[in-house]
Structure formats: structure tokens, C-alpha cells
């Protein structure tokens, strides 16, 4: 018998949600599938499945928003 799915809830800014929905649509998937893929990759790696950090061309402001430097 297949395991029952359970929801994951996260609060994000409306603009982030809109960008996420647009990006997933552009690559032919859904936000739910993208989140499931991330969780699966995170669990397999035991950590983030990509490098976390700010490039030398970015700065993080007081609101934790990454901004590109000119």
C-alpha cells in the first residue's frame, strides 16, 4: 500500500511565491513537484543539495535579501 502524502507548510513573500510558480511552470513542472524533488535531494545528500553562500557579486541587506552588485 502506498504511503499517504502529508503537507509541508512554509511562509514566504507573495513575490517569491509568484516567481517560484512562474519558474516551475517554465520548466514544465509544478510547485509541489519541485518541493518534493528538493526534499528528496536534501534527504539523499543529508544536507542542501547545492552550495549555500553569497557570491562575491552579491551582498545581503538587513532584510536578508540578496542583491547583485553592479
C-alpha atoms as a PDB file:
ATOM      1  CA  UNK A   1       0.000   0.000   0.000  1.00  0.00           C
ATOM      2  CA  UNK A   2       1.329   3.429  -0.957  1.00  0.00           C
ATOM      3  CA  UNK A   3       2.228   5.818   1.851  1.00  0.00           C
ATOM      4  CA  UNK A   4      -0.163   8.720   2.355  1.00  0.00           C
ATOM      5  CA  UNK A   5       1.202  12.168   1.469  1.00  0.00           C
ATOM      6  CA  UNK A   6       1.396  14.850   4.161  1.00  0.00           C
ATOM      7  CA  UNK A   7       1.547  18.622   3.575  1.00  0.00           C
ATOM      8  CA  UNK A   8       4.593  20.815   4.164  1.00  0.00           C
ATOM      9  CA  UNK A   9       3.837  24.453   5.002  1.00  0.00           C
ATOM     10  CA  UNK A  10       6.193  27.430   4.701  1.00  0.00           C
ATOM     11  CA  UNK A  11       5.515  31.151   4.825  1.00  0.00           C
ATOM     12  CA  UNK A  12       7.131  33.118   2.004  1.00  0.00           C
ATOM     13  CA  UNK A  13       6.700  36.549   0.497  1.00  0.00           C
ATOM     14  CA  UNK A  14       3.998  36.818  -2.178  1.00  0.00           C
ATOM     15  CA  UNK A  15       6.599  37.966  -4.727  1.00  0.00           C
ATOM     16  CA  UNK A  16       8.754  34.887  -4.006  1.00  0.00           C
ATOM     17  CA  UNK A  17       5.713  32.640  -4.411  1.00  0.00           C
ATOM     18  CA  UNK A  18       4.830  34.255  -7.741  1.00  0.00           C
ATOM     19  CA  UNK A  19       8.404  33.871  -9.045  1.00  0.00           C
ATOM     20  CA  UNK A  20       8.504  30.241  -7.886  1.00  0.00           C
ATOM     21  CA  UNK A  21       5.208  29.381  -9.603  1.00  0.00           C
ATOM     22  CA  UNK A  22       6.376  31.072 -12.832  1.00  0.00           C
ATOM     23  CA  UNK A  23       9.749  29.289 -12.765  1.00  0.00           C
ATOM     24  CA  UNK A  24       8.245  25.850 -12.176  1.00  0.00           C
ATOM     25  CA  UNK A  25       5.748  26.414 -14.983  1.00  0.00           C
ATOM     26  CA  UNK A  26       8.572  27.439 -17.343  1.00  0.00           C
ATOM     27  CA  UNK A  27      10.424  24.169 -16.723  1.00  0.00           C
ATOM     28  CA  UNK A  28       7.279  22.071 -17.073  1.00  0.00           C
ATOM     29  CA  UNK A  29       6.637  21.040 -13.500  1.00  0.00           C
ATOM     30  CA  UNK A  30       4.513  22.156 -10.569  1.00  0.00           C
ATOM     31  CA  UNK A  31       5.494  23.878  -7.330  1.00  0.00           C
ATOM     32  CA  UNK A  32       4.531  20.703  -5.435  1.00  0.00           C
ATOM     33  CA  UNK A  33       6.755  18.530  -7.628  1.00  0.00           C
ATOM     34  CA  UNK A  34       9.663  20.966  -7.274  1.00  0.00           C
ATOM     35  CA  UNK A  35       9.342  20.912  -3.483  1.00  0.00           C
ATOM     36  CA  UNK A  36       9.148  17.097  -3.473  1.00  0.00           C
ATOM     37  CA  UNK A  37      12.280  16.932  -5.677  1.00  0.00           C
ATOM     38  CA  UNK A  38      14.133  19.307  -3.335  1.00  0.00           C
ATOM     39  CA  UNK A  39      13.163  17.316  -0.237  1.00  0.00           C
ATOM     40  CA  UNK A  40      14.201  14.051  -1.891  1.00  0.00           C
ATOM     41  CA  UNK A  41      17.590  15.505  -2.934  1.00  0.00           C
ATOM     42  CA  UNK A  42      18.084  17.025   0.539  1.00  0.00           C
ATOM     43  CA  UNK A  43      17.334  13.700   2.234  1.00  0.00           C
ATOM     44  CA  UNK A  44      19.682  11.770  -0.089  1.00  0.00           C
ATOM     45  CA  UNK A  45      22.519  14.255   0.500  1.00  0.00           C
ATOM     46  CA  UNK A  46      21.790  14.694   4.202  1.00  0.00           C
ATOM     47  CA  UNK A  47      22.215  18.433   3.630  1.00  0.00           C
ATOM     48  CA  UNK A  48      21.492  21.042   0.988  1.00  0.00           C
ATOM     49  CA  UNK A  49      21.942  19.504  -2.461  1.00  0.00           C
ATOM     50  CA  UNK A  50      23.811  22.615  -3.597  1.00  0.00           C
ATOM     51  CA  UNK A  51      26.380  25.047  -2.208  1.00  0.00           C
ATOM     52  CA  UNK A  52      24.983  27.653   0.179  1.00  0.00           C
ATOM     53  CA  UNK A  53      26.595  31.059   0.186  1.00  0.00           C
ATOM     54  CA  UNK A  54      26.718  34.504  -1.307  1.00  0.00           C
ATOM     55  CA  UNK A  55      28.847  35.053  -4.377  1.00  0.00           C
ATOM     56  CA  UNK A  56      31.381  37.860  -4.369  1.00  0.00           C
ATOM     57  CA  UNK A  57      28.988  39.752  -6.674  1.00  0.00           C
ATOM     58  CA  UNK A  58      26.159  39.762  -4.128  1.00  0.00           C
ATOM     59  CA  UNK A  59      25.503  41.479  -0.834  1.00  0.00           C
ATOM     60  CA  UNK A  60      22.784  40.654   1.689  1.00  0.00           C
ATOM     61  CA  UNK A  61      20.816  43.615   3.058  1.00  0.00           C
ATOM     62  CA  UNK A  62      19.225  43.935   6.517  1.00  0.00           C
ATOM     63  CA  UNK A  63      16.101  42.058   5.346  1.00  0.00           C
ATOM     64  CA  UNK A  64      18.177  39.054   4.183  1.00  0.00           C
ATOM     65  CA  UNK A  65      17.547  39.943   0.549  1.00  0.00           C
ATOM     66  CA  UNK A  66      20.440  39.074  -1.764  1.00  0.00           C
ATOM     67  CA  UNK A  67      21.212  41.920  -4.153  1.00  0.00           C
ATOM     68  CA  UNK A  68      23.576  41.871  -7.107  1.00  0.00           C
ATOM     69  CA  UNK A  69      26.378  44.385  -7.076  1.00  0.00           C
ATOM     70  CA  UNK A  70      26.989  46.367 -10.277  1.00  0.00           C
END
